[in-house]
């Protein structure tokens, strides 16, 4: 795949791998692409990971390269990438077998519960913590990715939200 300069919205360094910078490229269409040297002997940068969310791309690189990848330290909270928790273990076997993953992304009081498949966010809840509540601000799902598994998706998302609420000491849901 070739990305032209006029298709790039932004580029920022998100870490270091094998002594070289790892850059996160955001395209105008919302694709995030991490680029860097895959090995110490590589002569040029290559795609390391790609997806629809910067934090999940960063998480995949951390998972793939372990201690070899050194994440960047950002100057402000605004620049920071969300913290990622992999909650795929809460998915049913059929969802996992279908290649679906579940992540909780958190930054400050905002939480996103994201269903992910092959680099694409296929469903998510946007929430925030307010007082003792988890407030649901919005949601979107592409049910074409799981037409027969809607009940399993709903149960997995609900269980993940309840688990996160328990960890945070929250006692109720609200819808904005």
N, C-alpha and C. Protein backbone atom coordinates (compact mmCIF):
# COMPACT_ATOMS: atom_id res chain seq x y z
N UNK A 1 0.86 -1.17 0.00
CA UNK A 1 0.00 0.00 0.00
C UNK A 1 0.90 1.23 0.00
N UNK A 2 0.58 2.17 -0.81
CA UNK A 2 1.33 3.42 -0.86
C UNK A 2 0.43 4.55 -0.36
N UNK A 3 0.95 5.30 0.60
CA UNK A 3 0.21 6.44 1.14
C UNK A 3 0.88 7.71 0.64
N UNK A 4 0.12 8.54 -0.01
CA UNK A 4 0.64 9.79 -0.58
C UNK A 4 0.64 10.87 0.50
N UNK A 5 1.55 11.84 0.40
CA UNK A 5 1.62 12.92 1.40
C UNK A 5 0.30 13.66 1.62
N UNK A 6 -0.48 13.84 0.57
CA UNK A 6 -1.75 14.56 0.72
C UNK A 6 -2.82 13.72 1.43
N UNK A 7 -2.53 12.43 1.71
CA UNK A 7 -3.45 11.56 2.42
C UNK A 7 -3.14 11.48 3.92
N UNK A 8 -2.07 12.16 4.35
CA UNK A 8 -1.63 12.09 5.73
C UNK A 8 -2.13 13.30 6.52
N UNK A 9 -2.81 13.02 7.64
CA UNK A 9 -3.29 14.09 8.52
C UNK A 9 -2.21 14.50 9.51
N UNK A 10 -1.51 13.51 10.10
CA UNK A 10 -0.48 13.84 11.08
C UNK A 10 0.52 12.69 11.21
N UNK A 11 1.69 13.04 11.76
CA UNK A 11 2.73 12.06 12.05
C UNK A 11 3.32 12.44 13.40
N UNK A 12 3.45 11.44 14.29
CA UNK A 12 4.12 11.72 15.57
C UNK A 12 4.89 10.48 16.02
N UNK A 13 5.96 10.72 16.75
CA UNK A 13 6.78 9.64 17.27
C UNK A 13 6.10 9.08 18.52
N UNK A 14 5.92 7.74 18.54
CA UNK A 14 5.27 7.11 19.69
C UNK A 14 6.22 6.23 20.48
N UNK A 15 7.45 6.12 20.01
CA UNK A 15 8.40 5.30 20.75
C UNK A 15 9.66 5.03 19.96
N UNK A 16 10.42 4.05 20.46
CA UNK A 16 11.69 3.70 19.87
C UNK A 16 11.79 2.18 19.82
N UNK A 17 12.24 1.66 18.67
CA UNK A 17 12.41 0.23 18.48
C UNK A 17 13.72 -0.01 17.75
N UNK A 18 14.57 -0.81 18.32
CA UNK A 18 15.87 -1.13 17.72
C UNK A 18 16.69 0.12 17.43
N UNK A 19 16.60 1.11 18.31
CA UNK A 19 17.40 2.31 18.18
C UNK A 19 16.87 3.36 17.23
N UNK A 20 15.71 3.14 16.65
CA UNK A 20 15.10 4.10 15.72
C UNK A 20 13.69 4.46 16.16
N UNK A 21 13.26 5.63 15.74
CA UNK A 21 11.93 6.12 16.09
C UNK A 21 10.84 5.27 15.44
N UNK A 22 9.76 5.06 16.19
CA UNK A 22 8.54 4.46 15.65
C UNK A 22 7.56 5.61 15.48
N UNK A 23 7.07 5.78 14.27
CA UNK A 23 6.18 6.90 13.97
C UNK A 23 4.77 6.40 13.74
N UNK A 24 3.83 7.16 14.27
CA UNK A 24 2.41 6.86 14.08
C UNK A 24 1.87 7.83 13.04
N UNK A 25 1.43 7.27 11.93
CA UNK A 25 0.88 8.07 10.83
C UNK A 25 -0.63 7.95 10.89
N UNK A 26 -1.30 9.09 10.90
CA UNK A 26 -2.77 9.10 10.83
C UNK A 26 -3.16 9.62 9.46
N UNK A 27 -3.93 8.80 8.74
CA UNK A 27 -4.39 9.21 7.42
C UNK A 27 -5.67 10.05 7.54
N UNK A 28 -5.99 10.74 6.47
CA UNK A 28 -7.21 11.56 6.46
C UNK A 28 -8.46 10.71 6.66
N UNK A 29 -8.41 9.45 6.31
CA UNK A 29 -9.56 8.56 6.48
C UNK A 29 -9.68 7.95 7.86
N UNK A 30 -8.69 8.20 8.75
CA UNK A 30 -8.77 7.69 10.11
C UNK A 30 -7.98 6.42 10.36
N UNK A 31 -7.21 5.93 9.39
CA UNK A 31 -6.36 4.77 9.59
C UNK A 31 -5.09 5.21 10.31
N UNK A 32 -4.69 4.45 11.32
CA UNK A 32 -3.43 4.71 12.02
C UNK A 32 -2.45 3.62 11.60
N UNK A 33 -1.24 4.03 11.26
CA UNK A 33 -0.22 3.12 10.79
C UNK A 33 1.07 3.41 11.54
N UNK A 34 1.61 2.41 12.24
CA UNK A 34 2.88 2.56 12.94
C UNK A 34 3.98 2.05 12.03
N UNK A 35 5.04 2.87 11.91
CA UNK A 35 6.13 2.56 11.00
C UNK A 35 7.44 2.61 11.75
N UNK A 36 8.29 1.61 11.54
CA UNK A 36 9.60 1.57 12.18
C UNK A 36 10.39 0.39 11.65
N UNK A 37 11.60 0.19 12.16
CA UNK A 37 12.45 -0.93 11.75
C UNK A 37 12.05 -2.18 12.53
N UNK A 38 11.74 -3.24 11.80
CA UNK A 38 11.29 -4.48 12.43
C UNK A 38 12.41 -5.24 13.14
N UNK A 39 13.64 -5.01 12.72
CA UNK A 39 14.77 -5.69 13.36
C UNK A 39 15.97 -4.76 13.39
N UNK A 40 16.96 -5.12 14.19
CA UNK A 40 18.16 -4.28 14.32
C UNK A 40 18.89 -4.14 12.98
N UNK A 41 18.78 -5.14 12.14
CA UNK A 41 19.51 -5.15 10.86
C UNK A 41 18.70 -4.56 9.71
N UNK A 42 17.49 -4.14 9.96
CA UNK A 42 16.67 -3.56 8.89
C UNK A 42 17.30 -2.27 8.38
N UNK A 43 17.23 -2.08 7.10
CA UNK A 43 17.78 -0.87 6.49
C UNK A 43 16.73 0.23 6.37
N UNK A 44 15.46 -0.16 6.27
CA UNK A 44 14.41 0.85 6.12
C UNK A 44 13.22 0.54 7.01
N UNK A 45 12.44 1.55 7.23
CA UNK A 45 11.24 1.41 8.06
C UNK A 45 10.15 0.65 7.29
N UNK A 46 9.36 -0.12 8.06
CA UNK A 46 8.25 -0.89 7.51
C UNK A 46 7.03 -0.71 8.40
N UNK A 47 5.89 -1.13 7.90
CA UNK A 47 4.67 -1.09 8.71
C UNK A 47 4.79 -2.12 9.83
N UNK A 48 4.57 -1.68 11.06
CA UNK A 48 4.61 -2.55 12.23
C UNK A 48 3.23 -2.99 12.66
N UNK A 49 2.26 -2.08 12.52
CA UNK A 49 0.89 -2.34 12.94
C UNK A 49 0.00 -1.29 12.30
N UNK A 50 -1.27 -1.62 12.14
CA UNK A 50 -2.23 -0.67 11.58
C UNK A 50 -3.59 -0.92 12.21
N UNK A 51 -4.40 0.11 12.26
CA UNK A 51 -5.73 -0.05 12.81
C UNK A 51 -6.48 1.26 12.85
N UNK A 52 -7.68 1.18 13.38
CA UNK A 52 -8.55 2.34 13.42
C UNK A 52 -8.42 3.15 14.70
N UNK A 53 -7.52 2.73 15.61
CA UNK A 53 -7.37 3.46 16.86
C UNK A 53 -5.90 3.48 17.26
N UNK A 54 -5.35 4.66 17.53
CA UNK A 54 -3.94 4.84 17.86
C UNK A 54 -3.51 4.00 19.06
N UNK A 55 -4.31 3.98 20.09
CA UNK A 55 -3.94 3.26 21.31
C UNK A 55 -3.85 1.75 21.07
N UNK A 56 -4.73 1.22 20.26
CA UNK A 56 -4.69 -0.22 19.98
C UNK A 56 -3.50 -0.55 19.10
N UNK A 57 -3.15 0.31 18.15
CA UNK A 57 -1.95 0.11 17.34
C UNK A 57 -0.73 0.09 18.25
N UNK A 58 -0.63 1.05 19.16
CA UNK A 58 0.46 1.12 20.11
C UNK A 58 0.50 -0.15 20.99
N UNK A 59 -0.66 -0.59 21.45
CA UNK A 59 -0.77 -1.80 22.28
C UNK A 59 -0.25 -3.02 21.51
N UNK A 60 -0.61 -3.13 20.25
CA UNK A 60 -0.18 -4.28 19.44
C UNK A 60 1.35 -4.30 19.30
N UNK A 61 1.96 -3.13 19.15
CA UNK A 61 3.42 -3.06 19.04
C UNK A 61 4.06 -3.48 20.37
N UNK A 62 3.51 -2.99 21.48
CA UNK A 62 4.02 -3.38 22.80
C UNK A 62 3.93 -4.89 22.98
N UNK A 63 2.83 -5.48 22.57
CA UNK A 63 2.61 -6.91 22.70
C UNK A 63 3.57 -7.70 21.81
N UNK A 64 3.77 -7.23 20.59
CA UNK A 64 4.60 -7.94 19.62
C UNK A 64 6.09 -7.84 19.93
N UNK A 65 6.56 -6.67 20.38
CA UNK A 65 7.99 -6.45 20.56
C UNK A 65 8.44 -6.42 22.02
N UNK A 66 7.52 -6.43 22.96
CA UNK A 66 7.85 -6.48 24.37
C UNK A 66 8.79 -5.38 24.81
N UNK A 67 9.85 -5.74 25.52
CA UNK A 67 10.78 -4.76 26.09
C UNK A 67 11.64 -4.07 25.03
N UNK A 68 11.66 -4.61 23.81
CA UNK A 68 12.43 -3.97 22.74
C UNK A 68 11.80 -2.63 22.34
N UNK A 69 10.48 -2.50 22.51
CA UNK A 69 9.79 -1.25 22.17
C UNK A 69 9.74 -0.36 23.41
N UNK A 70 10.25 0.85 23.25
CA UNK A 70 10.24 1.82 24.35
C UNK A 70 9.25 2.93 24.01
N UNK A 71 8.08 2.94 24.64
CA UNK A 71 7.08 3.97 24.36
C UNK A 71 7.60 5.37 24.69
N UNK A 72 7.16 6.34 23.92
CA UNK A 72 7.56 7.73 24.14
C UNK A 72 6.88 8.28 25.39
N UNK A 73 7.54 9.23 26.00
CA UNK A 73 6.95 9.97 27.12
C UNK A 73 6.45 11.29 26.54
N UNK A 74 5.18 11.57 26.76
CA UNK A 74 4.57 12.76 26.18
C UNK A 74 4.59 13.92 27.17
N UNK A 75 4.68 15.12 26.63
CA UNK A 75 4.81 16.32 27.45
C UNK A 75 3.52 16.70 28.16
N UNK A 76 2.39 16.40 27.56
CA UNK A 76 1.12 16.79 28.17
C UNK A 76 0.14 15.64 28.12
N UNK A 77 -0.89 15.72 28.96
CA UNK A 77 -1.94 14.69 28.97
C UNK A 77 -2.68 14.64 27.64
N UNK A 78 -2.79 15.78 26.99
CA UNK A 78 -3.49 15.86 25.71
C UNK A 78 -2.82 14.97 24.66
N UNK A 79 -1.49 14.92 24.68
CA UNK A 79 -0.74 14.14 23.69
C UNK A 79 -0.70 12.66 24.02
N UNK A 80 -0.94 12.30 25.28
CA UNK A 80 -0.83 10.91 25.70
C UNK A 80 -1.81 10.01 24.97
N UNK A 81 -1.35 8.80 24.72
CA UNK A 81 -2.21 7.77 24.14
C UNK A 81 -2.94 7.09 25.29
N UNK A 82 -4.16 6.66 25.03
CA UNK A 82 -4.97 6.01 26.06
C UNK A 82 -4.30 4.75 26.59
N UNK A 83 -4.60 4.43 27.83
CA UNK A 83 -4.19 3.16 28.41
C UNK A 83 -5.10 2.08 27.84
N UNK A 84 -4.52 0.94 27.47
CA UNK A 84 -5.29 -0.13 26.85
C UNK A 84 -5.29 -1.36 27.75
N UNK A 85 -6.49 -1.90 27.99
CA UNK A 85 -6.66 -3.16 28.70
C UNK A 85 -7.30 -4.16 27.74
N UNK A 86 -6.66 -5.28 27.56
CA UNK A 86 -7.20 -6.33 26.70
C UNK A 86 -8.20 -7.15 27.53
N UNK A 87 -9.45 -7.09 27.16
CA UNK A 87 -10.51 -7.83 27.86
C UNK A 87 -11.11 -8.93 26.98
N UNK A 88 -10.33 -9.38 26.01
CA UNK A 88 -10.82 -10.40 25.07
C UNK A 88 -11.19 -11.69 25.78
N UNK A 89 -10.60 -11.95 26.95
CA UNK A 89 -10.95 -13.16 27.69
C UNK A 89 -12.42 -13.16 28.13
N UNK A 90 -13.07 -12.01 28.11
CA UNK A 90 -14.49 -11.94 28.49
C UNK A 90 -15.43 -12.22 27.31
N UNK A 91 -14.86 -12.41 26.12
CA UNK A 91 -15.67 -12.74 24.94
C UNK A 91 -15.99 -14.23 24.92
N UNK A 92 -17.08 -14.55 24.27
CA UNK A 92 -17.44 -15.96 24.09
C UNK A 92 -16.44 -16.62 23.15
N UNK A 93 -16.37 -17.94 23.20
CA UNK A 93 -15.46 -18.69 22.33
C UNK A 93 -15.76 -18.40 20.86
N UNK A 94 -17.02 -18.32 20.49
CA UNK A 94 -17.37 -18.10 19.09
C UNK A 94 -16.92 -16.72 18.60
N UNK A 95 -17.00 -15.70 19.46
CA UNK A 95 -16.52 -14.37 19.08
C UNK A 95 -15.00 -14.38 18.92
N UNK A 96 -14.30 -15.01 19.86
CA UNK A 96 -12.83 -15.10 19.76
C UNK A 96 -12.42 -15.89 18.52
N UNK A 97 -13.12 -16.99 18.25
CA UNK A 97 -12.82 -17.79 17.06
C UNK A 97 -13.04 -17.00 15.78
N UNK A 98 -13.93 -16.01 15.84
CA UNK A 98 -14.21 -15.16 14.69
C UNK A 98 -13.19 -14.03 14.55
N UNK A 99 -12.19 -13.99 15.44
CA UNK A 99 -11.12 -12.99 15.33
C UNK A 99 -11.44 -11.66 16.00
N UNK A 100 -12.47 -11.64 16.84
CA UNK A 100 -12.86 -10.40 17.51
C UNK A 100 -12.10 -10.26 18.83
N UNK A 101 -11.66 -9.04 19.12
CA UNK A 101 -10.98 -8.72 20.36
C UNK A 101 -11.77 -7.63 21.07
N UNK A 102 -11.59 -7.52 22.38
CA UNK A 102 -12.29 -6.51 23.18
C UNK A 102 -11.27 -5.75 24.02
N UNK A 103 -11.30 -4.43 23.90
CA UNK A 103 -10.36 -3.58 24.63
C UNK A 103 -11.12 -2.50 25.40
N UNK A 104 -10.54 -2.10 26.53
CA UNK A 104 -11.02 -0.94 27.26
C UNK A 104 -9.90 0.11 27.17
N UNK A 105 -10.24 1.26 26.63
CA UNK A 105 -9.29 2.35 26.49
C UNK A 105 -9.66 3.42 27.50
N UNK A 106 -8.68 3.87 28.28
CA UNK A 106 -9.00 4.88 29.30
C UNK A 106 -7.98 6.01 29.27
N UNK A 107 -8.51 7.19 29.45
CA UNK A 107 -7.70 8.40 29.55
C UNK A 107 -8.50 9.40 30.37
N UNK A 108 -7.92 9.80 31.49
CA UNK A 108 -8.61 10.68 32.43
C UNK A 108 -9.91 10.02 32.85
N UNK A 109 -11.04 10.68 32.69
CA UNK A 109 -12.34 10.11 33.10
C UNK A 109 -13.08 9.43 31.95
N UNK A 110 -12.49 9.42 30.77
CA UNK A 110 -13.15 8.84 29.60
C UNK A 110 -12.74 7.39 29.42
N UNK A 111 -13.73 6.55 29.11
CA UNK A 111 -13.51 5.13 28.85
C UNK A 111 -14.18 4.77 27.53
N UNK A 112 -13.49 3.98 26.71
CA UNK A 112 -14.09 3.43 25.50
C UNK A 112 -14.01 1.92 25.60
N UNK A 113 -15.11 1.26 25.33
CA UNK A 113 -15.17 -0.19 25.28
C UNK A 113 -15.25 -0.53 23.79
N UNK A 114 -14.18 -1.13 23.24
CA UNK A 114 -14.04 -1.27 21.79
C UNK A 114 -13.95 -2.72 21.37
N UNK A 115 -14.82 -3.12 20.44
CA UNK A 115 -14.71 -4.42 19.76
C UNK A 115 -13.85 -4.18 18.52
N UNK A 116 -12.89 -5.07 18.31
CA UNK A 116 -11.89 -4.86 17.29
C UNK A 116 -11.74 -6.14 16.47
N UNK A 117 -11.63 -6.01 15.17
CA UNK A 117 -11.40 -7.18 14.32
C UNK A 117 -10.50 -6.78 13.15
N UNK A 118 -9.38 -7.45 13.05
CA UNK A 118 -8.43 -7.22 11.95
C UNK A 118 -8.10 -5.74 11.75
N UNK A 119 -7.85 -5.03 12.83
CA UNK A 119 -7.44 -3.63 12.73
C UNK A 119 -8.58 -2.63 12.66
N UNK A 120 -9.81 -3.11 12.68
CA UNK A 120 -10.96 -2.20 12.58
C UNK A 120 -11.78 -2.23 13.86
N UNK A 121 -12.21 -1.04 14.28
CA UNK A 121 -13.16 -0.96 15.39
C UNK A 121 -14.53 -1.27 14.79
N UNK A 122 -15.14 -2.37 15.26
CA UNK A 122 -16.43 -2.78 14.70
C UNK A 122 -17.58 -2.48 15.64
N UNK A 123 -17.25 -1.98 16.82
CA UNK A 123 -18.28 -1.59 17.78
C UNK A 123 -17.63 -0.92 18.97
N UNK A 124 -18.35 0.04 19.55
CA UNK A 124 -17.80 0.68 20.74
C UNK A 124 -18.86 1.43 21.52
N UNK A 125 -18.58 1.54 22.80
CA UNK A 125 -19.33 2.40 23.70
C UNK A 125 -18.39 3.50 24.15
N UNK A 126 -18.82 4.76 24.01
CA UNK A 126 -18.09 5.90 24.56
C UNK A 126 -18.71 6.23 25.90
N UNK A 127 -17.92 6.21 26.96
CA UNK A 127 -18.44 6.46 28.30
C UNK A 127 -17.50 7.39 29.05
N UNK A 128 -17.99 7.86 30.17
CA UNK A 128 -17.14 8.64 31.08
C UNK A 128 -17.57 8.38 32.51
N UNK A 129 -16.63 8.56 33.42
CA UNK A 129 -16.92 8.41 34.84
C UNK A 129 -17.34 9.77 35.37
N UNK A 130 -18.52 9.79 35.98
CA UNK A 130 -19.03 11.03 36.58
C UNK A 130 -19.63 10.66 37.93
N UNK A 131 -19.07 11.24 38.99
CA UNK A 131 -19.46 10.91 40.37
C UNK A 131 -19.31 9.40 40.57
N UNK A 132 -20.36 8.71 40.94
CA UNK A 132 -20.31 7.25 41.13
C UNK A 132 -20.94 6.49 39.98
N UNK A 133 -20.97 7.12 38.80
CA UNK A 133 -21.67 6.51 37.66
C UNK A 133 -20.76 6.33 36.45
N UNK A 134 -21.08 5.33 35.66
CA UNK A 134 -20.52 5.18 34.34
C UNK A 134 -21.57 5.72 33.38
N UNK A 135 -21.27 6.83 32.75
CA UNK A 135 -22.23 7.51 31.88
C UNK A 135 -21.96 7.11 30.43
N UNK A 136 -22.97 6.54 29.80
CA UNK A 136 -22.86 6.15 28.39
C UNK A 136 -23.20 7.36 27.54
N UNK A 137 -22.20 7.85 26.80
CA UNK A 137 -22.38 9.05 25.97
C UNK A 137 -22.80 8.70 24.55
N UNK A 138 -22.46 7.52 24.10
CA UNK A 138 -22.82 7.12 22.74
C UNK A 138 -22.27 5.74 22.44
N UNK A 139 -22.77 5.17 21.36
CA UNK A 139 -22.29 3.85 20.95
C UNK A 139 -22.52 3.68 19.46
N UNK A 140 -21.76 2.77 18.87
CA UNK A 140 -21.94 2.43 17.46
C UNK A 140 -21.45 1.00 17.24
N UNK A 141 -22.16 0.26 16.41
CA UNK A 141 -21.80 -1.12 16.11
C UNK A 141 -22.06 -1.39 14.63
N UNK A 142 -21.14 -2.12 14.02
CA UNK A 142 -21.32 -2.59 12.66
C UNK A 142 -21.70 -4.06 12.76
N UNK A 143 -22.99 -4.33 12.81
CA UNK A 143 -23.49 -5.69 13.05
C UNK A 143 -23.23 -6.63 11.87
N UNK A 144 -22.78 -6.11 10.75
CA UNK A 144 -22.43 -6.98 9.62
C UNK A 144 -21.28 -7.92 9.99
N UNK A 145 -20.47 -7.55 10.97
CA UNK A 145 -19.35 -8.37 11.40
C UNK A 145 -19.76 -9.50 12.34
N UNK A 146 -20.96 -9.43 12.91
CA UNK A 146 -21.40 -10.48 13.82
C UNK A 146 -22.92 -10.60 13.78
N UNK A 147 -23.49 -10.93 12.61
CA UNK A 147 -24.96 -10.94 12.46
C UNK A 147 -25.69 -11.90 13.38
N UNK A 148 -25.13 -13.10 13.63
CA UNK A 148 -25.82 -14.08 14.46
C UNK A 148 -25.41 -14.01 15.92
N UNK A 149 -24.49 -13.16 16.26
CA UNK A 149 -23.90 -13.16 17.60
C UNK A 149 -24.23 -11.90 18.41
N UNK A 150 -25.31 -11.23 18.08
CA UNK A 150 -25.66 -9.98 18.75
C UNK A 150 -25.82 -10.15 20.26
N UNK A 151 -26.46 -11.23 20.68
CA UNK A 151 -26.68 -11.48 22.10
C UNK A 151 -25.35 -11.69 22.81
N UNK A 152 -24.46 -12.46 22.20
CA UNK A 152 -23.14 -12.71 22.79
C UNK A 152 -22.32 -11.42 22.90
N UNK A 153 -22.42 -10.57 21.89
CA UNK A 153 -21.71 -9.29 21.91
C UNK A 153 -22.25 -8.42 23.03
N UNK A 154 -23.57 -8.34 23.15
CA UNK A 154 -24.19 -7.54 24.21
C UNK A 154 -23.78 -8.02 25.60
N UNK A 155 -23.81 -9.33 25.80
CA UNK A 155 -23.44 -9.88 27.10
C UNK A 155 -21.96 -9.61 27.42
N UNK A 156 -21.10 -9.77 26.44
CA UNK A 156 -19.66 -9.53 26.65
C UNK A 156 -19.39 -8.07 26.98
N UNK A 157 -20.04 -7.17 26.27
CA UNK A 157 -19.84 -5.73 26.54
C UNK A 157 -20.37 -5.38 27.93
N UNK A 158 -21.55 -5.89 28.28
CA UNK A 158 -22.13 -5.61 29.59
C UNK A 158 -21.24 -6.14 30.71
N UNK A 159 -20.74 -7.37 30.56
CA UNK A 159 -19.86 -7.96 31.57
C UNK A 159 -18.57 -7.15 31.73
N UNK A 160 -18.04 -6.67 30.63
CA UNK A 160 -16.82 -5.86 30.67
C UNK A 160 -17.08 -4.54 31.38
N UNK A 161 -18.20 -3.90 31.08
CA UNK A 161 -18.54 -2.64 31.75
C UNK A 161 -18.75 -2.86 33.25
N UNK A 162 -19.43 -3.92 33.61
CA UNK A 162 -19.67 -4.20 35.03
C UNK A 162 -18.35 -4.48 35.75
N UNK A 163 -17.46 -5.24 35.11
CA UNK A 163 -16.15 -5.51 35.71
C UNK A 163 -15.38 -4.21 35.94
N UNK A 164 -15.39 -3.33 34.93
CA UNK A 164 -14.66 -2.06 35.05
C UNK A 164 -15.30 -1.17 36.12
N UNK A 165 -16.62 -1.17 36.20
CA UNK A 165 -17.30 -0.40 37.24
C UNK A 165 -16.89 -0.88 38.62
N UNK A 166 -16.82 -2.21 38.80
CA UNK A 166 -16.41 -2.77 40.10
C UNK A 166 -14.99 -2.35 40.45
N UNK A 167 -14.09 -2.38 39.48
CA UNK A 167 -12.69 -1.97 39.71
C UNK A 167 -12.62 -0.50 40.13
N UNK A 168 -13.45 0.33 39.49
CA UNK A 168 -13.43 1.77 39.76
C UNK A 168 -14.31 2.17 40.96
N UNK A 169 -15.06 1.22 41.51
CA UNK A 169 -15.93 1.51 42.65
C UNK A 169 -17.17 2.30 42.26
N UNK A 170 -17.65 2.11 41.05
CA UNK A 170 -18.86 2.79 40.58
C UNK A 170 -20.07 1.93 40.88
N UNK A 171 -21.24 2.59 41.09
CA UNK A 171 -22.41 1.80 41.45
C UNK A 171 -23.62 1.92 40.56
N UNK A 172 -23.53 2.70 39.45
CA UNK A 172 -24.70 2.75 38.57
C UNK A 172 -24.30 3.20 37.16
N UNK A 173 -25.19 2.85 36.20
CA UNK A 173 -25.09 3.29 34.81
C UNK A 173 -25.98 4.49 34.62
N UNK A 174 -25.60 5.36 33.73
CA UNK A 174 -26.47 6.45 33.28
C UNK A 174 -26.31 6.58 31.79
N UNK A 175 -27.37 7.05 31.15
CA UNK A 175 -27.29 7.31 29.72
C UNK A 175 -27.44 8.80 29.52
N UNK A 176 -26.55 9.38 28.78
CA UNK A 176 -26.57 10.83 28.55
C UNK A 176 -27.68 11.22 27.62
